[in-house]
Amino acid sequence: MEPSEAAPAVAERLFGARTDIARDYHEALATDGVEWGLIGPREVPRLWDRHILNCAVVGELIADGATVVDVGSGAGLPGIPLALARPDLRVTLVEPLLRRTRFLAQFVERHGLAVTVVRGRAEQPGVVKEAGGADVVVSRAVAPLGKLAQWCLPLVHEHGTMLAMKGSSAAEELGREEAALVAAGAGNLEIVVCGAGLLPTPTTVVRAVRLTRKQRRR
């Protein structure tokens, strides 16, 4: 892939003044990301549509100035596209593997992004202490919804939101995992779509809210 590959026109709409950084992120994924085993080589031709842009549009679901934790960030998806598209957000990337956190930290430092990289698993007390109390926790292809809720909900405050990016089988999975979600303290379960009118295939997200203990006893 040539580093100079043009970004899709929608990238300009989503990233604005940070489009050049988004292009650099695309290049980093296509080169170092593949070399370090963070992205499969077959994904390179569809990095924009399938990975970068479909993560950026999740910003439609996040309020201005929110604190956001990306659990199992991997190569920075969805956290880095969200941070680029929404500079008002305060984003923390949580990732347990060293080579991935090195990639993330290098990219964040190179571009001076106000993004924090935390190495560890979401359920570890140290991670909860450092990244917890957020407004929103996001994830992409990390785990089934029930397990995901156990990891993610402790990172947001009561009434905070969990956004789990899922594919076309979201409704089926939600039906299968609903009891586990409720047991983990999730409520207001719904499937929402973002990026409609911008992307050929809009992004499907399962949204849940962390209930208070009083609400869970009802």
Protein backbone atom coordinates (compact mmCIF):
# COMPACT_ATOMS: atom_id res chain seq x y z
CA MET A 1 0.00 0.00 0.00
CA GLU A 2 1.26 3.43 -0.87
CA PRO A 3 1.45 5.81 2.11
CA SER A 4 -0.07 8.55 -0.02
CA GLU A 5 -3.36 6.69 -0.58
CA ALA A 6 -6.13 9.26 -0.51
CA ALA A 7 -8.54 9.22 2.41
CA PRO A 8 -12.23 8.83 1.52
CA ALA A 9 -14.12 12.11 1.29
CA VAL A 10 -16.11 11.23 4.42
CA ALA A 11 -12.85 11.26 6.41
CA GLU A 12 -12.64 15.02 5.92
CA ARG A 13 -16.14 15.39 7.33
CA LEU A 14 -15.40 13.23 10.36
CA PHE A 15 -11.88 14.34 11.23
CA GLY A 16 -11.78 17.95 9.99
CA ALA A 17 -8.49 19.59 10.93
CA ARG A 18 -7.19 16.23 12.16
CA THR A 19 -7.59 14.44 8.83
CA ASP A 20 -3.81 14.46 8.30
CA ILE A 21 -3.38 12.65 11.63
CA ALA A 22 -6.05 10.16 10.60
CA ARG A 23 -4.10 9.53 7.39
CA ASP A 24 -0.96 8.95 9.45
CA TYR A 25 -2.89 6.53 11.65
CA HIS A 26 -4.02 4.67 8.54
CA GLU A 27 -0.42 4.45 7.38
CA ALA A 28 0.77 3.32 10.83
CA LEU A 29 -1.81 0.51 10.87
CA ALA A 30 -0.90 -0.54 7.32
CA THR A 31 2.82 -0.70 8.11
CA ASP A 32 3.84 -1.06 11.76
CA GLY A 33 0.41 -2.41 12.66
CA VAL A 34 0.80 -5.30 10.25
CA GLU A 35 4.48 -5.85 11.07
CA TRP A 36 3.75 -5.98 14.80
CA GLY A 37 0.80 -8.32 14.33
CA LEU A 38 -1.86 -5.80 15.37
CA ILE A 39 -3.70 -5.85 12.04
CA GLY A 40 -3.98 -8.75 9.62
CA PRO A 41 -2.51 -8.09 6.15
CA ARG A 42 -5.86 -8.85 4.54
CA GLU A 43 -7.42 -5.96 6.46
CA VAL A 44 -5.17 -3.32 4.89
CA PRO A 45 -7.38 -2.64 1.83
CA ARG A 46 -10.36 -1.97 4.08
CA LEU A 47 -8.73 -0.08 6.92
CA TRP A 48 -10.67 3.09 6.24
CA ASP A 49 -14.19 1.74 5.94
CA ARG A 50 -14.09 -1.30 8.20
CA HIS A 51 -11.82 -0.01 10.94
CA ILE A 52 -11.15 3.73 11.12
CA LEU A 53 -14.34 5.35 9.86
CA ASN A 54 -16.77 2.88 11.41
CA CYS A 55 -15.11 3.57 14.79
CA ALA A 56 -15.13 7.35 14.38
CA VAL A 57 -18.90 7.52 13.84
CA VAL A 58 -19.51 6.06 17.30
CA GLY A 59 -18.85 9.62 18.45
CA GLU A 60 -22.45 10.34 17.44
CA LEU A 61 -23.50 8.53 20.62
CA ILE A 62 -21.19 10.37 23.03
CA ALA A 63 -21.93 13.68 24.75
CA ASP A 64 -19.66 16.72 24.53
CA GLY A 65 -16.62 16.65 26.80
CA ALA A 66 -17.18 13.09 27.97
CA THR A 67 -14.51 10.88 29.50
CA VAL A 68 -14.20 7.69 27.45
CA VAL A 69 -12.41 4.42 28.17
CA ASP A 70 -11.61 2.05 25.28
CA VAL A 71 -11.38 -1.49 26.68
CA GLY A 72 -9.18 -3.97 24.83
CA SER A 73 -8.00 -1.19 22.56
CA GLY A 74 -5.61 -3.35 20.54
CA ALA A 75 -4.36 -1.17 17.70
CA GLY A 76 -6.35 1.79 19.06
CA LEU A 77 -9.78 0.88 17.78
CA PRO A 78 -12.15 2.51 18.47
CA GLY A 79 -10.34 4.91 20.83
CA ILE A 80 -7.93 6.67 18.48
CA PRO A 81 -10.47 7.38 15.70
CA LEU A 82 -12.85 8.69 18.39
CA ALA A 83 -10.14 10.94 19.83
CA LEU A 84 -9.32 12.29 16.37
CA ALA A 85 -12.92 12.90 15.36
CA ARG A 86 -13.87 14.34 18.76
CA PRO A 87 -11.00 16.35 20.28
CA ASP A 88 -13.36 17.38 23.10
CA LEU A 89 -13.34 13.83 24.48
CA ARG A 90 -10.88 12.65 27.12
CA VAL A 91 -9.93 9.18 25.96
CA THR A 92 -8.11 6.40 27.82
CA LEU A 93 -6.94 3.30 25.96
CA VAL A 94 -6.79 0.12 28.08
CA GLU A 95 -4.77 -2.73 26.59
CA PRO A 96 -2.90 -5.59 28.34
CA LEU A 97 -0.29 -6.50 25.71
CA LEU A 98 3.05 -4.68 25.76
CA ARG A 99 3.64 -4.48 22.01
CA ARG A 100 0.20 -2.97 21.51
CA THR A 101 0.62 -0.38 24.25
CA ARG A 102 4.01 0.53 22.77
CA PHE A 103 2.39 1.12 19.37
CA LEU A 104 -0.37 3.20 20.96
CA ALA A 105 1.96 5.24 23.14
CA GLN A 106 4.28 6.00 20.24
CA PHE A 107 1.43 7.21 18.05
CA VAL A 108 -0.13 9.31 20.82
CA GLU A 109 3.23 10.90 21.67
CA ARG A 110 4.15 11.57 18.05
CA HIS A 111 0.97 13.57 17.50
CA GLY A 112 0.67 15.12 20.95
CA LEU A 113 -2.80 13.67 21.49
CA ALA A 114 -4.55 14.15 24.83
CA VAL A 115 -5.00 10.39 25.12
CA THR A 116 -3.89 8.19 28.02
CA VAL A 117 -2.57 4.67 27.46
CA VAL A 118 -2.99 2.21 30.34
CA ARG A 119 -1.45 -1.24 30.20
CA GLY A 120 -3.57 -3.85 31.94
CA ARG A 121 -6.85 -5.72 31.90
CA ALA A 122 -10.07 -3.84 32.49
CA GLU A 123 -10.95 -5.93 35.54
CA GLN A 124 -7.66 -5.34 37.36
CA PRO A 125 -8.01 -3.09 40.45
CA GLY A 126 -5.15 -0.85 39.32
CA VAL A 127 -6.85 -0.24 35.97
CA VAL A 128 -10.18 0.45 37.62
CA LYS A 129 -8.47 2.93 39.93
CA GLU A 130 -6.68 4.71 37.08
CA ALA A 131 -9.38 4.68 34.40
CA GLY A 132 -12.59 4.25 36.41
CA GLY A 133 -15.36 6.77 36.91
CA ALA A 134 -15.67 7.47 33.20
CA ASP A 135 -18.81 8.64 31.41
CA VAL A 136 -18.56 6.09 28.61
CA VAL A 137 -16.77 2.81 28.01
CA VAL A 138 -16.39 1.57 24.43
CA SER A 139 -15.23 -1.73 23.00
CA ARG A 140 -14.90 -3.47 19.69
CA ALA A 141 -14.92 -7.24 19.16
CA VAL A 142 -13.58 -7.95 22.65
CA ALA A 143 -15.92 -10.51 24.22
CA PRO A 144 -19.58 -11.64 24.43
CA LEU A 145 -21.84 -8.99 25.90
CA GLY A 146 -22.31 -10.60 29.31
CA LYS A 147 -18.60 -10.93 29.97
CA LEU A 148 -17.99 -7.51 28.45
CA ALA A 149 -20.42 -5.91 30.89
CA GLN A 150 -18.56 -7.45 33.84
CA TRP A 151 -15.36 -5.82 32.62
CA CYS A 152 -16.73 -2.53 31.36
CA LEU A 153 -19.45 -1.37 33.73
CA PRO A 154 -17.10 -1.01 36.75
CA LEU A 155 -15.17 1.57 34.70
CA VAL A 156 -18.11 3.97 34.37
CA HIS A 157 -19.97 5.87 37.06
CA GLU A 158 -23.57 5.04 37.88
CA HIS A 159 -25.73 5.98 34.90
CA GLY A 160 -22.60 5.82 32.74
CA THR A 161 -22.87 4.18 29.33
CA MET A 162 -21.38 1.05 27.77
CA LEU A 163 -21.10 1.09 23.96
CA ALA A 164 -20.23 -2.28 22.44
CA MET A 165 -19.58 -2.30 18.71
CA LYS A 166 -21.16 -5.40 17.22
CA GLY A 167 -21.96 -6.64 13.74
CA SER A 168 -25.12 -7.82 12.03
CA SER A 169 -25.71 -10.48 14.70
CA ALA A 170 -26.10 -7.85 17.46
CA ALA A 171 -29.80 -8.56 18.00
CA GLU A 172 -29.22 -12.28 18.26
CA GLU A 173 -26.37 -11.81 20.73
CA LEU A 174 -28.33 -9.31 22.81
CA GLY A 175 -31.18 -11.78 23.13
CA ARG A 176 -28.80 -14.53 24.15
CA GLU A 177 -26.83 -12.38 26.61
CA GLU A 178 -29.60 -10.26 28.11
CA ALA A 179 -29.78 -12.15 31.41
CA ALA A 180 -26.00 -11.92 31.87
CA LEU A 181 -26.09 -8.19 31.10
CA VAL A 182 -28.80 -7.59 33.69
CA ALA A 183 -26.89 -9.68 36.25
CA ALA A 184 -23.83 -7.49 35.64
CA GLY A 185 -25.84 -4.35 36.40
CA ALA A 186 -26.75 -3.22 32.89
CA GLY A 187 -30.07 -1.64 31.99
CA ASN A 188 -31.77 0.34 29.21
CA LEU A 189 -30.47 -2.20 26.69
CA GLU A 190 -30.83 -1.19 23.06
CA ILE A 191 -29.29 -1.54 19.64
CA VAL A 192 -28.42 1.70 17.88
CA VAL A 193 -26.91 2.47 14.49
CA CYS A 194 -24.50 5.30 13.72
CA GLY A 195 -22.90 6.55 10.53
CA ALA A 196 -26.09 6.18 8.49
CA GLY A 197 -25.78 8.38 5.41
CA LEU A 198 -22.01 8.54 5.82
CA LEU A 199 -20.84 4.94 5.54
CA PRO A 200 -21.88 2.22 3.09
CA THR A 201 -22.44 -0.06 6.11
CA PRO A 202 -23.43 1.86 9.25
CA THR A 203 -21.95 0.81 12.58
CA THR A 204 -24.13 -1.26 14.91
CA VAL A 205 -23.70 -0.68 18.63
CA VAL A 206 -25.27 -2.29 21.68
CA ARG A 207 -25.84 0.42 24.26
CA ALA A 208 -26.38 -0.19 27.97
CA VAL A 209 -26.44 1.96 31.09
CA ARG A 210 -24.90 1.10 34.45
CA LEU A 211 -27.79 0.95 36.90
CA THR A 212 -27.62 2.05 40.51
CA ARG A 213 -27.94 -0.61 43.21
CA LYS A 214 -31.43 0.67 43.99
CA GLN A 215 -32.48 0.32 40.35
CA ARG A 216 -31.06 -3.22 40.20
CA ARG A 217 -33.18 -4.30 43.20
CA ARG A 218 -36.43 -3.28 41.56
